[in-house]
Protein backbone atom coordinates (compact mmCIF):
# COMPACT_ATOMS: atom_id res chain seq x y z
CA UNK A 1 -7.96 94.96 175.05
CA UNK A 2 -8.27 92.17 177.94
CA UNK A 3 -10.39 89.18 176.99
CA UNK A 4 -8.73 87.27 179.99
CA UNK A 5 -12.26 86.88 181.80
CA UNK A 6 -14.44 85.69 179.52
CA UNK A 7 -16.13 81.96 179.90
CA UNK A 8 -19.10 81.67 177.17
CA UNK A 9 -18.74 83.79 174.05
CA UNK A 10 -21.64 83.45 171.38
CA UNK A 11 -19.51 83.76 167.77
CA UNK A 12 -22.71 84.99 166.03
CA UNK A 13 -25.36 87.40 167.21
CA UNK A 14 -27.27 89.46 164.94
CA UNK A 15 -28.02 93.02 164.92
CA UNK A 16 -29.61 95.98 162.94
CA UNK A 17 -30.86 99.15 163.17
CA UNK A 18 -34.33 99.99 164.04
CA UNK A 19 -35.34 103.42 161.77
CA UNK A 20 -33.20 103.98 158.40
CA UNK A 21 -32.98 107.10 159.23
CA UNK A 22 -30.16 105.86 161.85
CA UNK A 23 -27.83 105.18 158.59
CA UNK A 24 -28.48 107.44 156.51
CA UNK A 25 -27.54 110.35 158.98
CA UNK A 26 -23.99 108.83 158.39
CA UNK A 27 -24.10 108.85 154.41
CA UNK A 28 -22.66 111.44 152.32
CA UNK A 29 -25.96 113.95 150.93
CA UNK A 30 -25.55 112.12 147.90
CA UNK A 31 -26.62 108.67 148.48
CA UNK A 32 -29.46 109.30 151.25
CA UNK A 33 -32.16 109.28 148.83
CA UNK A 34 -30.64 105.62 147.23
CA UNK A 35 -30.89 104.51 151.07
CA UNK A 36 -33.79 105.36 151.55
CA UNK A 37 -36.35 104.90 148.95
CA UNK A 38 -33.67 104.17 145.75
CA UNK A 39 -33.96 105.43 142.66
CA UNK A 40 -33.83 104.21 138.59
CA UNK A 41 -33.27 100.73 138.40
CA UNK A 42 -31.41 100.48 141.76
CA UNK A 43 -33.02 98.98 145.51
CA UNK A 44 -33.00 101.22 148.56
CA UNK A 45 -31.09 100.29 151.56
CA UNK A 46 -29.05 96.95 151.63
CA UNK A 47 -32.18 94.85 150.31
CA UNK A 48 -31.70 93.30 147.00
CA UNK A 49 -34.40 90.78 145.14
CA UNK A 50 -33.47 86.86 145.46
CA UNK A 51 -33.87 85.33 142.34
CA UNK A 52 -34.77 82.45 143.90
CA UNK A 53 -38.98 81.79 146.15
CA UNK A 54 -38.14 82.93 149.91
CA UNK A 55 -41.38 83.11 151.64
CA UNK A 56 -39.76 84.12 154.97
CA UNK A 57 -37.99 87.39 153.68
CA UNK A 58 -40.32 90.10 153.38
CA UNK A 59 -38.91 91.57 149.95
CA UNK A 60 -41.07 93.91 148.50
CA UNK A 61 -42.09 95.98 151.86
CA UNK A 62 -42.07 100.00 151.82
CA UNK A 63 -39.91 99.61 155.05
CA UNK A 64 -36.50 98.21 155.26
CA UNK A 65 -36.66 97.50 158.87
CA UNK A 66 -35.76 93.42 160.01
CA UNK A 67 -35.63 94.06 163.43
CA UNK A 68 -37.93 91.68 166.17
CA UNK A 69 -37.58 88.24 164.85
CA UNK A 70 -34.52 88.98 163.06
CA UNK A 71 -32.03 90.85 164.71
CA UNK A 72 -31.78 92.69 167.70
CA UNK A 73 -31.91 96.80 168.37
CA UNK A 74 -29.95 97.59 170.84
CA UNK A 75 -26.96 96.54 173.11
CA UNK A 76 -29.43 97.08 176.42
CA UNK A 77 -32.31 94.19 175.10
CA UNK A 78 -29.66 92.11 173.81
CA UNK A 79 -28.03 92.15 177.39
CA UNK A 80 -31.26 91.66 179.25
CA UNK A 81 -32.98 88.86 176.97
CA UNK A 82 -30.10 86.92 175.84
CA UNK A 83 -26.66 87.35 176.94
CA UNK A 84 -27.68 87.44 181.19
CA UNK A 85 -30.36 84.83 181.19
CA UNK A 86 -28.19 82.49 179.20
CA UNK A 87 -24.54 83.38 181.63
CA UNK A 88 -23.05 83.98 177.91
CA UNK A 89 -20.59 87.00 178.87
CA UNK A 90 -19.26 88.28 175.30
CA UNK A 91 -21.07 87.89 171.71
CA UNK A 92 -19.58 88.78 168.32
CA UNK A 93 -21.89 90.85 166.76
CA UNK A 94 -22.63 91.40 162.84
CA UNK A 95 -25.72 93.31 161.31
CA UNK A 96 -28.20 90.89 159.41
CA UNK A 97 -28.37 91.36 156.26
CA UNK A 98 -25.27 93.63 155.33
CA UNK A 99 -23.21 91.14 153.45
CA UNK A 100 -26.44 91.68 151.11
CA UNK A 101 -24.33 95.18 150.07
CA UNK A 102 -21.62 92.63 148.22
CA UNK A 103 -24.17 91.94 146.09
CA UNK A 104 -24.92 95.47 144.30
CA UNK A 105 -23.89 96.20 140.72
CA UNK A 106 -22.24 98.93 141.61
CA UNK A 107 -19.00 99.74 143.92
CA UNK A 108 -19.43 103.40 145.18
CA UNK A 109 -22.56 103.34 147.08
CA UNK A 110 -21.77 99.75 148.56
CA UNK A 111 -18.48 101.18 150.08
CA UNK A 112 -20.20 104.71 151.29
CA UNK A 113 -22.47 101.84 153.11
CA UNK A 114 -20.13 99.78 154.37
CA UNK A 115 -18.07 103.16 156.12
CA UNK A 116 -21.81 103.80 157.38
CA UNK A 117 -22.87 100.68 158.98
CA UNK A 118 -19.44 99.95 160.68
CA UNK A 119 -19.73 103.39 162.23
CA UNK A 120 -22.88 102.66 163.43
CA UNK A 121 -21.38 99.24 165.09
CA UNK A 122 -19.14 101.29 166.60
CA UNK A 123 -20.70 103.79 168.27
CA UNK A 124 -24.00 102.35 169.10
CA UNK A 125 -23.08 98.92 169.83
CA UNK A 126 -19.29 98.40 171.07
CA UNK A 127 -18.77 101.87 172.84
CA UNK A 128 -21.73 101.36 174.88
CA UNK A 129 -20.84 97.75 176.06
CA UNK A 130 -17.92 96.21 176.62
CA UNK A 131 -19.47 92.15 176.13
CA UNK A 132 -19.78 93.14 172.71
CA UNK A 133 -17.42 92.24 169.68
CA UNK A 134 -17.87 93.90 166.30
CA UNK A 135 -17.63 92.94 162.36
CA UNK A 136 -16.79 95.18 159.96
CA UNK A 137 -18.51 94.72 157.04
CA UNK A 138 -17.03 95.48 153.47
CA UNK A 139 -17.80 95.69 149.67
CA UNK A 140 -16.24 92.87 148.16
CA UNK A 141 -17.03 93.99 144.31
CA UNK A 142 -13.58 96.41 145.16
CA UNK A 143 -11.02 94.51 147.68
CA UNK A 144 -8.39 97.28 147.39
CA UNK A 145 -11.05 100.00 149.33
CA UNK A 146 -12.48 97.24 151.05
CA UNK A 147 -8.84 96.62 152.35
CA UNK A 148 -8.77 100.38 153.12
CA UNK A 149 -12.25 100.00 155.08
CA UNK A 150 -10.45 97.09 157.16
CA UNK A 151 -7.73 99.51 158.18
CA UNK A 152 -10.05 102.06 158.73
CA UNK A 153 -12.89 100.75 161.49
CA UNK A 154 -10.19 98.10 162.32
CA UNK A 155 -8.79 100.76 164.40
CA UNK A 156 -11.46 99.66 167.00
CA UNK A 157 -10.18 97.57 169.55
CA UNK A 158 -12.71 95.40 169.54
CA UNK A 159 -13.23 94.87 165.87
CA UNK A 160 -12.17 91.51 165.66
CA UNK A 161 -13.58 89.79 161.94
CA UNK A 162 -14.79 90.25 158.77
CA UNK A 163 -17.69 89.37 157.54
CA UNK A 164 -17.71 87.98 153.73
CA UNK A 165 -21.32 86.87 152.56
CA UNK A 166 -21.19 83.71 150.51
CA UNK A 167 -23.19 84.87 147.25
CA UNK A 168 -19.99 85.70 145.24
CA UNK A 169 -19.53 86.23 141.93
CA UNK A 170 -15.75 84.50 142.33
CA UNK A 171 -14.35 81.55 144.70
CA UNK A 172 -12.53 83.17 147.75
CA UNK A 173 -8.98 81.81 146.97
CA UNK A 174 -9.04 84.29 143.11
CA UNK A 175 -5.82 86.31 143.89
CA UNK A 176 -8.20 89.50 143.55
CA UNK A 177 -9.57 88.66 147.07
CA UNK A 178 -6.02 89.02 148.49
CA UNK A 179 -5.45 92.63 149.33
CA UNK A 180 -8.63 92.37 152.19
CA UNK A 181 -6.83 88.80 153.44
CA UNK A 182 -3.65 91.47 153.77
CA UNK A 183 -5.57 94.07 155.76
CA UNK A 184 -6.66 91.37 157.68
CA UNK A 185 -3.59 89.72 158.71
CA UNK A 186 -2.07 93.49 159.35
CA UNK A 187 -5.45 93.92 161.78
CA UNK A 188 -5.14 90.82 163.53
CA UNK A 189 -8.80 89.87 162.58
CA UNK A 190 -10.50 87.20 161.42
CA UNK A 191 -12.28 86.47 157.96
CA UNK A 192 -16.01 84.77 158.56
CA UNK A 193 -17.92 83.70 155.44
CA UNK A 194 -21.90 83.57 156.50
CA UNK A 195 -24.13 82.03 154.04
CA UNK A 196 -27.33 83.74 153.55
CA UNK A 197 -26.72 85.65 149.89
CA UNK A 198 -26.20 82.99 147.30
CA UNK A 199 -28.63 83.73 144.05
CA UNK A 200 -29.30 87.35 145.39
CA UNK A 201 -27.79 90.71 143.30
CA UNK A 202 -24.97 89.84 141.32
CA UNK A 203 -24.43 85.95 142.93
CA UNK A 204 -24.29 83.13 140.75
CA UNK A 205 -27.14 80.62 141.13
CA UNK A 206 -27.44 79.21 144.79
CA UNK A 207 -27.31 75.74 143.89
CA UNK A 208 -24.72 74.04 141.56
CA UNK A 209 -27.55 73.14 139.21
CA UNK A 210 -29.54 76.07 139.19
CA UNK A 211 -32.17 78.15 140.63
CA UNK A 212 -34.57 76.05 143.44
CA UNK A 213 -38.00 76.76 143.92
CA UNK A 214 -38.28 76.04 147.38
CA UNK A 215 -36.62 77.91 150.89
CA UNK A 216 -36.14 74.17 151.74
CA UNK A 217 -33.93 73.55 148.59
CA UNK A 218 -32.16 76.13 149.14
CA UNK A 219 -31.28 75.44 153.23
CA UNK A 220 -30.01 72.14 152.00
CA UNK A 221 -27.43 72.76 149.40
CA UNK A 222 -26.03 76.36 151.19
CA UNK A 223 -23.50 74.35 152.49
CA UNK A 224 -22.23 73.83 148.64
CA UNK A 225 -21.58 77.19 147.93
CA UNK A 226 -19.20 77.80 151.01
CA UNK A 227 -17.55 74.51 150.05
CA UNK A 228 -16.52 76.23 146.82
CA UNK A 229 -14.86 78.93 148.76
CA UNK A 230 -13.04 76.69 151.07
CA UNK A 231 -11.95 74.49 147.94
CA UNK A 232 -10.99 77.04 146.24
CA UNK A 233 -9.13 79.57 149.14
CA UNK A 234 -7.30 76.04 150.23
CA UNK A 235 -6.07 75.19 146.39
CA UNK A 236 -5.39 78.56 144.94
CA UNK A 237 -2.46 78.82 148.36
CA UNK A 238 -4.52 81.72 150.39
CA UNK A 239 -3.26 80.12 154.05
CA UNK A 240 0.58 79.34 151.70
CA UNK A 241 0.53 83.49 151.45
CA UNK A 242 -1.41 84.23 154.56
CA UNK A 243 -0.30 81.86 157.57
CA UNK A 244 -2.15 84.09 160.06
CA UNK A 245 -5.45 84.27 158.45
CA UNK A 246 -8.43 82.17 159.91
CA UNK A 247 -11.51 81.90 158.19
CA UNK A 248 -14.80 80.97 160.37
CA UNK A 249 -17.66 79.18 158.44
CA UNK A 250 -21.13 80.49 159.48
CA UNK A 251 -24.14 78.59 159.39
CA UNK A 252 -22.91 76.06 156.84
CA UNK A 253 -22.96 72.82 159.01
CA UNK A 254 -20.33 71.22 159.74
CA UNK A 255 -20.03 67.01 159.34
CA UNK A 256 -20.71 67.19 155.69
CA UNK A 257 -17.51 68.57 155.61
CA UNK A 258 -15.48 65.37 156.94
CA UNK A 259 -16.44 63.02 153.88
CA UNK A 260 -15.36 65.75 151.16
CA UNK A 261 -12.10 66.15 153.28
CA UNK A 262 -11.41 62.64 152.08
CA UNK A 263 -12.15 63.58 148.89
CA UNK A 264 -10.42 66.29 148.80
CA UNK A 265 -7.65 64.93 149.93
CA UNK A 266 -7.42 61.98 147.56
CA UNK A 267 -8.03 64.42 144.52
CA UNK A 268 -5.22 66.37 145.64
CA UNK A 269 -2.68 62.95 146.01
CA UNK A 270 -3.31 62.59 142.21
CA UNK A 271 -3.16 66.08 140.44
CA UNK A 272 -1.01 67.91 143.14
CA UNK A 273 1.28 69.33 140.46
CA UNK A 274 -1.19 72.07 138.92
CA UNK A 275 -1.09 73.47 143.62
CA UNK A 276 3.43 73.28 144.08
CA UNK A 277 2.23 75.77 146.62
CA UNK A 278 0.81 72.93 149.27
CA UNK A 279 3.22 71.58 151.15
CA UNK A 280 0.10 69.56 153.36
CA UNK A 281 -3.15 67.73 152.72
CA UNK A 282 -6.01 69.54 151.98
CA UNK A 283 -7.69 68.25 154.90
CA UNK A 284 -4.67 69.57 157.19
CA UNK A 285 -5.39 72.92 155.90
CA UNK A 286 -8.42 72.98 157.23
CA UNK A 287 -8.05 71.67 160.77
CA UNK A 288 -5.41 74.54 161.30
CA UNK A 289 -7.07 77.75 159.26
CA UNK A 290 -10.54 77.11 159.41
CA UNK A 291 -13.56 77.41 162.29
CA UNK A 292 -17.06 76.73 162.37
CA UNK A 293 -20.09 77.67 164.23
CA UNK A 294 -21.88 75.12 166.31
CA UNK A 295 -25.35 76.74 164.62
CA UNK A 296 -26.83 74.68 162.30
CA UNK A 297 -24.28 71.87 162.95
CA UNK A 298 -26.18 69.15 161.53
CA UNK A 299 -27.87 66.56 164.86
CA UNK A 300 -26.21 63.56 163.65
CA UNK A 301 -28.03 60.41 165.80
CA UNK A 302 -27.41 58.72 167.63
CA UNK A 303 -24.92 61.74 168.36
CA UNK A 304 -21.84 59.95 168.96
CA UNK A 305 -21.63 58.84 165.74
CA UNK A 306 -21.81 62.77 165.10
CA UNK A 307 -18.93 63.41 166.81
CA UNK A 308 -16.52 59.79 165.39
CA UNK A 309 -17.43 61.64 161.65
CA UNK A 310 -15.74 65.10 163.03
CA UNK A 311 -13.28 63.33 165.01
CA UNK A 312 -11.85 61.72 161.82
CA UNK A 313 -10.79 64.61 160.74
CA UNK A 314 -10.00 66.75 163.74
CA UNK A 315 -12.83 69.04 163.40
CA UNK A 316 -13.84 68.62 166.48
CA UNK A 317 -11.37 70.57 167.54
CA UNK A 318 -12.58 73.33 165.63
CA UNK A 319 -16.22 74.14 166.36
CA UNK A 320 -17.51 76.97 168.28
CA UNK A 321 -20.70 78.35 170.11
CA UNK A 322 -22.80 80.47 167.66
CA UNK A 323 -26.38 80.89 168.44
CA UNK A 324 -27.39 82.80 165.20
CA UNK A 325 -29.66 85.17 167.94
CA UNK A 326 -32.52 86.01 167.21
CA UNK A 327 -33.18 84.11 164.58
CA UNK A 328 -36.34 81.85 164.17
CA UNK A 329 -33.57 78.65 164.14
CA UNK A 330 -31.35 80.02 166.79
CA UNK A 331 -30.18 77.72 169.00
CA UNK A 332 -29.45 77.94 172.94
CA UNK A 333 -26.94 76.43 174.93
CA UNK A 334 -29.39 73.87 176.32
CA UNK A 335 -30.96 72.98 173.14
CA UNK A 336 -27.59 73.50 170.55
CA UNK A 337 -26.77 70.03 168.99
CA UNK A 338 -23.62 70.08 169.54
CA UNK A 339 -23.48 71.94 173.01
CA UNK A 340 -25.81 69.12 174.38
CA UNK A 341 -24.02 65.97 172.81
CA UNK A 342 -20.54 67.15 173.79
CA UNK A 343 -18.22 65.13 176.10
CA UNK A 344 -18.09 67.79 179.42
CA UNK A 345 -13.88 67.75 178.43
CA UNK A 346 -15.20 69.68 175.02
CA UNK A 347 -17.13 72.58 176.56
CA UNK A 348 -14.64 74.37 177.58
CA UNK A 349 -13.47 75.19 174.16
CA UNK A 350 -16.48 75.09 172.58
CA UNK A 351 -17.15 78.31 174.74
CA UNK A 352 -14.37 80.15 174.64
CA UNK A 353 -11.27 77.94 173.59
CA UNK A 354 -11.54 78.13 170.03
CA UNK A 355 -12.26 81.59 170.06
CA UNK A 356 -9.62 82.04 171.79
CA UNK A 357 -7.40 80.61 168.96
CA UNK A 358 -9.24 82.17 166.08
CA UNK A 359 -9.31 86.18 166.99
CA UNK A 360 -6.15 87.73 167.17
CA UNK A 361 -7.21 90.00 169.32
CA UNK A 362 -8.37 87.75 171.52
CA UNK A 363 -4.59 85.96 172.34
C-alpha cells in the first residue's frame, strides 16, 4: 500500500449503511431476524438502549438508520461533500454506532455482526475509493474470536486500525484483551478507543460516581472513562508486552491529560513496586504509545495556554487531525481549534506526519 502521496489525512469519519438489508444479506440466516426486528429480550441491529438521558439519540425508533446527520452513506457522497471541498486526500472511516455491539450481553450474535460489517466496509468503501482506509470492528466479549476476526479482516491492505469502545466491563490493561493486541501487532494495525458507548448495555455507569441525568454531564465526564483505560494499559504493562502497539484516543479530549500525567508520574514513583515491569515514567509511555484526534480537544483561551499545557508533557507531538464528520459537532480544517491555533511548524504533522508514525501500514 503506497501512502507516500497523502498530504492531508482525516483520522475520524463516520459511515453507515442506508438500508439495514445491506447488512442482513451478509449475516447467516439464523441471525437475520434478530438483526432486523430483534427477538424476545434482544436488541435489533447494533442499537442498544442507554441507561442515561440522551435526547439526541432516536432510541426506540422503528428504523435502525442513522445516516444523514450522524453518518455518510456512500463513498461518492463523502468525497463530494467532505474530502474534495476541504482538500483532504485520505480518510479513515468507521461505522458510526458499530462499537455498541461490544456492549451486548451475548457472544455469538455480536461476532457475526462484526464479520458482516467488516465485509461491508471492505466491499462498499475501501474497494470503491482509494482515498479511504478502514476500521476493523470487533466484539470484545470474546477476545480470542475478536483476534481471529482481526486477522481475517486485516487481509484487506487498507484496514489500518481496530476499534474498541470506551464503554467496557473491564479496563483495557486487563490481560483478557491481550489476544486483541497480539493480533493487531501481528497484522500491523493500530488500536482506536472511541467514546460513545459509556453506560450502554453491559457497560458500567458512565461516570465514576454513577449515572448522569443529562447529556451535558455525560459529555463532560466521558474523558474519565478513557483515562481509566489509559492508566490500566500503562500500569498493567501492555506496552512492555507489545512495544509496537499504538493506541488512538478519539473524541476524548487531550488537554486534561497533561495535569493527570503529573499525578500519574508522582504516584508511580511511590508505588512502582506494584508494576516492576515498567522502566519509564507513565508520561513517557503515554507520549510514545498514545495518539489523539483533534476533534473534541479543549479550546483553551488564549490558545497559547493550550499549547503550553500540552507541551509540558510533549503531548503536542501526539495530535492528528480528526473531524468526526458528519456529526453535529464535527470540525472542519478551518473551525478546528487545534488547526487554527497551531504554529505553522506543527501543521504538517497534524495533517499527515503523526498519522504516518501511528499506523504501521502507512510506514
